[in-house]
Amino acid sequence: MKIRSIETLSCDAGWRNYYFVKLTTEDGIVGWSEYDESFGPPGITAAIRRFAQMIVGEDGMRHDHLYARMFHDKRMVSSSVTAQAAGAIENALLDAKGKSLGVPVHALLGGKIRDRVRVYWSHCASYRISRPEVYGPPVRTLDDVKAMGEEVRNAGFTALKTNAIRYTKNGPLMYSPGFGRPFFPELNWDRDALRDLRNHLEAFRDGAGPEMDILLDINFNGRSEGMLKIMRAVADLDLFWLEMDCNNADALAYVRRQSSTSISSGETLFGLRSFLPYFQAQSMDVAIIDAIWNGVWQAMKIAAAADAHEVNVAPHNFYGHLATIMNAHFAAAVPNLRIVETDIDRIPQDKEVFSAEPVYEDGDLLVPDAPGWGIDIVEEALKAYTPGG
């Protein structure tokens, strides 16, 4: 399966772009993967093109060999841009390999353990607050949050995840000081912020009902002190997990030791070497692995290390349909799976750009068995959606 070409394609996705790798073999097999340069660092596309010069002409069956070559070529800067570029190419190689052998990717990963994976409705209310012009109907009040909880339950989902929300005189605001929105670099949490967060979660519980699992994502929006304040403020709300990002494994472990709620983290980490300090410090109950950024084959190695440290895993997934299906293959094959992230609020382009859509049933995502990922990109449809700057 000799590699003939590697191309990158993109299209507008409402408030960001979708990005894809198209890998073609000399016998005409096309392998696809999705990557992200909207939230991911700029330069991934350039790095993919640089790596392509290295591996075009090579045997695509040897994907771990090719990943090692890419890693070693950029060992001094092996995270972020180059890691995501190598992961994107690896994922396209897996699709091409599965298609060449006539098997789904999960068969290449050791075979599926499960036919369906439980999902949670991610960015629930958050997207309708921060981007109502894209997703709608807009969420403006706590009553709207309650109604959305009812919507999730009525749609058959059993879990949802939301973000920190401030309720100001100008309306609700997705609270992200850790990302400079608003720019409060001290990342402190005052009484008003904690009150708004609790009211937001209670509105979801009122609408979704007592059986709904509710997950809270804090991201980087607090230091250890702030994380502890949040943890204590919501301790009695029976949350599924508190998701928090922290660049210090010991600091996160300190928070986790005082938490009665499960702690998840890791979505911004690259490679097994980055995860190991968190596993060794017992910093998290659930390791969130971005298989789109890391590459699914590499993500399996991270998941195996997590398993050895008695840690569950959950995919980080807030991209297009191709990424969701890629994560379904990963989730089907790992023994220590907790749950799968997915965005249910979608944009019109999704029905045109992707050859298939994820299939959900009773709160689960069904795992496809077609060769490769089981989903392709409709190249002709991309032309109608010129990518933004």
Protein backbone atom coordinates (compact mmCIF):
# COMPACT_ATOMS: atom_id res chain seq x y z
CA MET A 1 0.00 0.00 0.00
CA LYS A 2 2.43 2.64 -1.22
CA ILE A 3 1.46 6.25 -0.53
CA ARG A 4 1.04 8.32 -3.70
CA SER A 5 -0.09 11.67 -2.26
CA ILE A 6 -1.18 13.51 0.86
CA GLU A 7 -3.42 16.58 0.56
CA THR A 8 -5.18 18.91 2.97
CA LEU A 9 -8.70 20.27 2.45
CA SER A 10 -10.91 22.59 4.48
CA CYS A 11 -14.31 24.22 4.46
CA ASP A 12 -16.36 26.70 6.45
CA ALA A 13 -18.10 25.23 9.49
CA GLY A 14 -20.16 28.15 10.72
CA TRP A 15 -17.90 29.64 13.41
CA ARG A 16 -14.73 27.74 12.55
CA ASN A 17 -13.37 25.60 9.71
CA TYR A 18 -13.30 21.86 9.23
CA TYR A 19 -9.92 20.45 8.17
CA PHE A 20 -9.23 17.12 6.49
CA VAL A 21 -6.31 14.99 5.31
CA LYS A 22 -6.78 13.06 2.08
CA LEU A 23 -4.21 10.29 1.67
CA THR A 24 -4.21 8.42 -1.65
CA THR A 25 -2.35 5.18 -2.32
CA GLU A 26 -0.90 4.08 -5.64
CA ASP A 27 -3.74 1.59 -6.09
CA GLY A 28 -6.34 4.35 -5.65
CA ILE A 29 -7.44 3.82 -2.05
CA VAL A 30 -8.27 7.07 -0.25
CA GLY A 31 -7.79 7.40 3.48
CA TRP A 32 -9.41 10.31 5.30
CA SER A 33 -8.89 11.95 8.65
CA GLU A 34 -10.12 15.07 10.36
CA TYR A 35 -7.88 17.50 12.20
CA ASP A 36 -8.35 20.91 13.78
CA GLU A 37 -6.59 24.19 13.14
CA SER A 38 -9.39 26.41 14.44
CA PHE A 39 -8.84 25.56 18.11
CA GLY A 40 -5.59 23.76 17.48
CA PRO A 41 -2.49 25.85 16.87
CA PRO A 42 -1.95 27.53 13.51
CA GLY A 43 0.58 25.77 11.34
CA ILE A 44 -0.74 22.21 11.44
CA THR A 45 -1.53 22.27 7.73
CA ALA A 46 2.02 23.41 6.95
CA ALA A 47 3.42 20.66 9.17
CA ILE A 48 1.29 18.02 7.44
CA ARG A 49 2.64 19.16 4.07
CA ARG A 50 6.18 19.02 5.44
CA PHE A 51 5.70 15.49 6.73
CA ALA A 52 4.10 14.46 3.43
CA GLN A 53 7.39 15.08 1.67
CA MET A 54 8.97 12.55 4.01
CA ILE A 55 6.49 9.69 3.71
CA VAL A 56 5.02 9.86 0.19
CA GLY A 57 6.31 6.76 -1.58
CA GLU A 58 6.51 4.77 1.65
CA ASP A 59 4.48 1.68 2.57
CA GLY A 60 1.34 2.91 4.30
CA MET A 61 0.83 -0.43 6.05
CA ARG A 62 3.75 0.49 8.33
CA HIS A 63 1.92 3.38 9.99
CA ASP A 64 3.62 3.06 13.38
CA HIS A 65 7.00 3.10 11.63
CA LEU A 66 6.00 6.23 9.73
CA TYR A 67 4.74 7.91 12.92
CA ALA A 68 8.06 7.16 14.60
CA ARG A 69 9.88 8.75 11.68
CA MET A 70 7.77 11.89 11.94
CA PHE A 71 8.27 12.03 15.71
CA HIS A 72 12.02 11.64 15.45
CA ASP A 73 12.26 14.21 12.66
CA LYS A 74 10.78 16.82 15.01
CA ARG A 75 11.82 15.38 18.38
CA MET A 76 12.89 18.81 19.68
CA VAL A 77 9.36 20.18 19.06
CA SER A 78 7.35 16.98 19.32
CA SER A 79 4.18 18.42 20.83
CA SER A 80 1.36 20.69 19.68
CA VAL A 81 1.73 21.52 15.96
CA THR A 82 3.90 18.59 14.90
CA ALA A 83 2.09 16.10 17.15
CA GLN A 84 -1.27 17.03 15.67
CA ALA A 85 0.12 16.87 12.13
CA ALA A 86 1.58 13.42 12.71
CA GLY A 87 -1.66 12.27 14.35
CA ALA A 88 -3.72 13.50 11.38
CA ILE A 89 -1.54 11.54 8.95
CA GLU A 90 -1.61 8.46 11.17
CA ASN A 91 -5.41 8.55 11.24
CA ALA A 92 -5.62 8.79 7.44
CA LEU A 93 -3.21 5.85 7.20
CA LEU A 94 -5.50 3.78 9.44
CA ASP A 95 -8.49 4.52 7.21
CA ALA A 96 -6.56 3.55 4.09
CA LYS A 97 -5.21 0.40 5.73
CA GLY A 98 -8.67 -0.69 6.86
CA LYS A 99 -10.08 -0.11 3.39
CA SER A 100 -7.17 -1.99 1.80
CA LEU A 101 -7.78 -5.01 4.05
CA GLY A 102 -11.57 -4.71 3.88
CA VAL A 103 -11.96 -4.34 7.65
CA PRO A 104 -13.11 -1.55 9.98
CA VAL A 105 -10.43 0.36 11.84
CA HIS A 106 -11.52 -1.08 15.17
CA ALA A 107 -10.41 -4.49 13.84
CA LEU A 108 -6.91 -3.03 13.42
CA LEU A 109 -7.02 -1.89 17.05
CA GLY A 110 -7.57 -5.40 18.36
CA GLY A 111 -11.26 -5.73 17.60
CA LYS A 112 -14.25 -4.07 19.19
CA ILE A 113 -15.19 -4.87 22.75
CA ARG A 114 -18.58 -3.23 22.35
CA ASP A 115 -21.01 -2.59 19.47
CA ARG A 116 -22.26 0.70 20.90
CA VAL A 117 -20.79 3.35 23.16
CA ARG A 118 -22.58 5.61 25.60
CA VAL A 119 -22.32 9.30 24.76
CA TYR A 120 -23.00 12.61 26.44
CA TRP A 121 -24.47 15.67 24.75
CA SER A 122 -21.56 18.08 24.96
CA HIS A 123 -21.61 21.90 25.17
CA CYS A 124 -25.23 21.56 26.21
CA ALA A 125 -26.77 25.07 26.33
CA SER A 126 -23.22 26.44 26.08
CA TYR A 127 -23.25 26.66 22.28
CA ARG A 128 -26.75 28.12 22.24
CA ILE A 129 -25.56 30.78 24.67
CA SER A 130 -22.24 31.61 22.99
CA ARG A 131 -23.22 31.07 19.33
CA PRO A 132 -27.02 31.36 19.05
CA GLU A 133 -26.76 32.57 15.45
CA VAL A 134 -25.22 29.22 14.48
CA TYR A 135 -27.00 26.73 16.69
CA GLY A 136 -30.20 28.20 18.10
CA PRO A 137 -32.73 28.38 19.48
CA PRO A 138 -30.92 30.78 21.79
CA VAL A 139 -30.66 30.10 25.51
CA ARG A 140 -31.16 33.35 27.43
CA THR A 141 -32.62 32.40 30.80
CA LEU A 142 -32.53 29.65 33.39
CA ASP A 143 -35.97 28.61 32.15
CA ASP A 144 -34.38 28.06 28.72
CA VAL A 145 -31.73 25.88 30.39
CA LYS A 146 -34.45 23.86 32.09
CA ALA A 147 -36.19 23.44 28.73
CA MET A 148 -32.99 22.22 27.15
CA GLY A 149 -32.59 19.65 29.90
CA GLU A 150 -36.05 18.37 28.97
CA GLU A 151 -35.01 18.34 25.29
CA VAL A 152 -31.98 16.16 26.04
CA ARG A 153 -34.05 13.72 28.07
CA ASN A 154 -36.82 13.53 25.47
CA ALA A 155 -34.24 12.87 22.74
CA GLY A 156 -33.20 9.72 24.59
CA PHE A 157 -29.79 10.83 25.84
CA THR A 158 -28.74 9.85 29.34
CA ALA A 159 -25.91 12.31 29.95
CA LEU A 160 -25.07 15.92 29.16
CA LYS A 161 -22.12 18.21 29.71
CA THR A 162 -22.24 21.95 30.20
CA ASN A 163 -19.78 24.75 30.92
CA ALA A 164 -19.50 27.56 33.45
CA ILE A 165 -22.08 30.27 32.71
CA ARG A 166 -22.41 33.76 34.17
CA TYR A 167 -25.88 35.35 34.19
CA THR A 168 -25.30 39.07 33.68
CA LYS A 169 -27.69 41.98 33.14
CA ASN A 170 -26.89 41.68 29.42
CA GLY A 171 -27.72 37.99 29.33
CA PRO A 172 -25.84 34.75 29.92
CA LEU A 173 -22.13 34.55 29.16
CA MET A 174 -20.04 31.44 28.66
CA TYR A 175 -17.42 32.05 31.34
CA SER A 176 -13.92 31.41 30.01
CA PRO A 177 -11.35 33.65 31.75
CA GLY A 178 -8.76 30.92 31.22
CA PHE A 179 -9.09 31.61 27.49
CA GLY A 180 -9.26 35.39 27.86
CA ARG A 181 -13.08 35.60 27.58
CA PRO A 182 -13.30 37.77 29.66
CA PHE A 183 -9.66 38.55 30.30
CA PHE A 184 -9.26 37.86 34.03
CA PRO A 185 -5.82 36.22 34.20
CA GLU A 186 -6.06 35.83 37.97
CA LEU A 187 -8.79 33.19 37.36
CA ASN A 188 -10.44 33.84 40.73
CA TRP A 189 -13.97 32.69 41.51
CA ASP A 190 -16.18 35.04 43.54
CA ARG A 191 -19.49 34.34 45.25
CA ASP A 192 -21.55 35.61 42.31
CA ALA A 193 -19.77 33.31 39.85
CA LEU A 194 -20.26 30.30 42.11
CA ARG A 195 -23.93 31.18 42.62
CA ASP A 196 -24.53 31.49 38.86
CA LEU A 197 -22.80 28.16 38.24
CA ARG A 198 -24.92 26.40 40.82
CA ASN A 199 -28.15 27.94 39.52
CA HIS A 200 -27.21 26.84 35.99
CA LEU A 201 -26.65 23.25 37.08
CA GLU A 202 -29.83 23.16 39.17
CA ALA A 203 -31.86 24.38 36.16
CA PHE A 204 -30.48 21.51 34.10
CA ARG A 205 -31.35 19.05 36.86
CA ASP A 206 -34.90 20.41 37.07
CA GLY A 207 -35.39 19.93 33.33
CA ALA A 208 -33.43 16.75 32.71
CA GLY A 209 -34.66 14.88 35.75
CA PRO A 210 -32.95 12.88 38.49
CA GLU A 211 -31.69 10.08 36.23
CA MET A 212 -29.70 12.32 33.88
CA ASP A 213 -25.93 12.28 34.38
CA ILE A 214 -24.65 15.87 34.36
CA LEU A 215 -21.00 16.65 33.62
CA LEU A 216 -19.36 20.01 34.28
CA ASP A 217 -16.40 21.28 32.24
CA ILE A 218 -14.33 23.99 33.92
CA ASN A 219 -11.44 23.85 31.40
CA PHE A 220 -8.52 26.07 32.48
CA ASN A 221 -10.84 28.57 34.18
CA GLY A 222 -9.39 28.30 37.67
CA ARG A 223 -6.29 27.60 39.67
CA SER A 224 -6.24 25.01 42.45
CA GLU A 225 -8.01 27.36 44.87
CA GLY A 226 -10.74 28.11 42.34
CA MET A 227 -11.16 24.46 41.43
CA LEU A 228 -11.60 23.62 45.12
CA LYS A 229 -14.18 26.38 45.56
CA ILE A 230 -16.16 25.06 42.58
CA MET A 231 -15.87 21.50 43.83
CA ARG A 232 -17.24 22.46 47.25
CA ALA A 233 -20.00 24.66 45.81
CA VAL A 234 -21.47 21.81 43.73
CA ALA A 235 -20.54 18.83 45.92
CA ASP A 236 -24.16 17.95 46.72
CA LEU A 237 -25.40 18.06 43.10
CA ASP A 238 -24.34 14.49 42.28
CA LEU A 239 -22.36 15.36 39.15
CA PHE A 240 -21.00 12.61 36.90
CA TRP A 241 -17.61 14.36 36.83
CA LEU A 242 -15.81 17.64 37.17
CA GLU A 243 -13.61 18.22 34.15
CA MET A 244 -10.67 20.52 34.74
CA ASP A 245 -7.46 21.25 32.90
CA CYS A 246 -4.24 21.83 34.78
CA ASN A 247 -0.65 21.89 33.58
CA ASN A 248 0.65 20.64 36.93
CA ALA A 249 0.02 16.97 37.70
CA ASP A 250 0.69 17.39 41.42
CA ALA A 251 -1.66 20.36 41.73
CA LEU A 252 -4.44 18.41 40.04
CA ALA A 253 -3.76 15.42 42.28
CA TYR A 254 -4.09 17.75 45.29
CA VAL A 255 -7.54 18.81 44.09
CA ARG A 256 -8.62 15.27 43.32
CA ARG A 257 -7.70 14.02 46.79
CA GLN A 258 -10.24 16.44 48.26
CA SER A 259 -13.02 15.77 45.77
CA SER A 260 -16.03 13.56 46.32
CA THR A 261 -16.79 13.91 42.59
CA SER A 262 -14.79 12.13 39.88
CA ILE A 263 -12.13 14.30 38.23
CA SER A 264 -11.47 14.11 34.49
CA SER A 265 -8.64 15.84 32.66
CA GLY A 266 -6.06 15.55 29.90
CA GLU A 267 -7.73 16.73 26.72
CA THR A 268 -4.85 19.12 25.91
CA LEU A 269 -2.05 16.60 26.49
CA PHE A 270 0.03 15.16 23.66
CA GLY A 271 1.59 11.72 23.68
CA LEU A 272 2.10 9.08 26.34
CA ARG A 273 5.06 10.95 27.82
CA SER A 274 2.77 13.88 28.71
CA PHE A 275 0.14 11.67 30.33
CA LEU A 276 2.50 9.57 32.47
CA PRO A 277 3.12 12.20 35.21
CA TYR A 278 -0.65 12.49 35.70
CA PHE A 279 -1.08 8.73 35.90
CA GLN A 280 1.82 8.37 38.33
CA ALA A 281 0.46 11.15 40.56
CA GLN A 282 -3.08 9.68 40.39
CA SER A 283 -4.29 13.09 39.24
CA MET A 284 -7.49 11.99 37.53
CA ASP A 285 -10.22 9.38 37.61
CA VAL A 286 -10.80 9.67 33.85
CA ALA A 287 -8.13 10.55 31.30
CA ILE A 288 -9.59 12.52 28.42
CA ILE A 289 -7.65 11.62 25.28
CA ASP A 290 -7.89 13.57 22.05
CA ALA A 291 -7.45 10.85 19.44
CA ILE A 292 -7.80 13.41 16.65
CA TRP A 293 -4.83 15.38 17.96
CA ASN A 294 -2.75 12.39 19.08
CA GLY A 295 -3.66 9.83 16.43
CA VAL A 296 -5.88 6.85 17.22
CA TRP A 297 -3.02 4.33 17.28
CA GLN A 298 -1.10 6.51 19.74
CA ALA A 299 -4.30 7.06 21.73
CA MET A 300 -4.57 3.29 22.20
CA LYS A 301 -1.11 3.31 23.80
CA ILE A 302 -2.16 6.10 26.16
CA ALA A 303 -5.33 4.20 27.04
CA ALA A 304 -3.30 1.06 27.80
CA ALA A 305 -1.07 3.03 30.18
CA ALA A 306 -4.16 4.52 31.82
CA ASP A 307 -5.55 1.01 32.28
CA ALA A 308 -2.34 -0.07 33.99
CA HIS A 309 -2.79 2.83 36.43
CA GLU A 310 -6.48 1.96 37.07
CA VAL A 311 -7.68 5.03 35.18
CA ASN A 312 -10.62 5.13 32.77
CA VAL A 313 -10.52 7.03 29.48
CA ALA A 314 -12.94 9.18 27.49
CA PRO A 315 -12.41 10.70 24.03
CA HIS A 316 -12.24 14.45 23.55
CA ASN A 317 -14.47 15.14 20.57
CA PHE A 318 -15.97 18.46 19.47
CA TYR A 319 -15.32 18.35 15.73
CA GLY A 320 -17.19 17.10 12.65
CA HIS A 321 -18.90 13.79 11.96
CA LEU A 322 -15.73 12.13 10.69
CA ALA A 323 -14.01 12.80 14.02
CA THR A 324 -17.01 11.40 15.89
CA ILE A 325 -16.85 8.15 13.93
CA MET A 326 -13.07 7.95 14.37
CA ASN A 327 -13.61 8.23 18.12
CA ALA A 328 -16.29 5.55 17.95
CA HIS A 329 -13.70 3.06 16.64
CA PHE A 330 -11.28 4.04 19.40
CA ALA A 331 -13.97 3.82 22.08
CA ALA A 332 -15.16 0.44 20.81
CA ALA A 333 -11.72 -1.10 21.23
CA VAL A 334 -10.45 0.20 24.60
CA PRO A 335 -11.36 -1.87 27.68
CA ASN A 336 -11.31 1.05 30.15
CA LEU A 337 -13.86 3.30 28.42
CA ARG A 338 -15.98 5.62 30.56
CA ILE A 339 -18.12 7.59 28.08
CA VAL A 340 -17.83 9.42 24.73
CA GLU A 341 -18.17 13.13 24.03
CA THR A 342 -20.28 14.26 21.10
CA ASP A 343 -21.91 17.50 19.96
CA ILE A 344 -25.56 16.96 19.08
CA ASP A 345 -26.21 20.57 18.05
CA ARG A 346 -24.98 20.62 14.44
CA ILE A 347 -24.68 22.91 11.41
CA PRO A 348 -26.33 22.43 7.96
CA GLN A 349 -22.98 21.66 6.30
CA ASP A 350 -22.74 18.40 8.24
CA LYS A 351 -25.42 16.78 6.08
CA GLU A 352 -23.53 17.64 2.88
CA VAL A 353 -19.82 17.48 3.66
CA PHE A 354 -19.84 14.00 5.22
CA SER A 355 -20.95 10.84 3.43
CA ALA A 356 -22.73 9.56 6.55
CA GLU A 357 -23.89 10.73 9.96
CA PRO A 358 -23.41 9.12 13.36
CA VAL A 359 -26.31 6.91 14.39
CA TYR A 360 -27.56 7.34 17.97
CA GLU A 361 -29.92 5.00 19.74
CA ASP A 362 -31.11 5.31 23.36
CA GLY A 363 -28.19 7.55 24.29
CA ASP A 364 -25.59 5.36 22.58
CA LEU A 365 -23.52 5.82 19.43
CA LEU A 366 -23.60 2.74 17.20
CA VAL A 367 -20.16 1.59 16.04
CA PRO A 368 -19.89 1.17 12.25
CA ASP A 369 -18.47 -2.01 10.71
CA ALA A 370 -17.75 -0.77 7.17
CA PRO A 371 -14.10 -0.87 6.00
CA GLY A 372 -11.91 1.93 7.32
CA TRP A 373 -13.74 4.52 9.36
CA GLY A 374 -16.96 3.88 7.45
CA ILE A 375 -17.37 7.55 6.53
CA ASP A 376 -15.78 9.72 3.82
CA ILE A 377 -15.65 13.36 2.83
CA VAL A 378 -17.79 14.55 -0.09
CA GLU A 379 -15.19 16.68 -1.86
CA GLU A 380 -17.64 18.32 -4.23
CA ALA A 381 -19.66 19.63 -1.28
CA LEU A 382 -16.62 21.39 0.19
CA LYS A 383 -16.55 23.79 -2.74
CA ALA A 384 -19.78 25.44 -1.60
CA TYR A 385 -18.30 26.36 1.78
CA THR A 386 -15.21 28.49 1.35
CA PRO A 387 -13.14 28.33 4.53
CA GLY A 388 -12.83 31.45 6.64
CA GLY A 389 -9.62 33.17 7.53
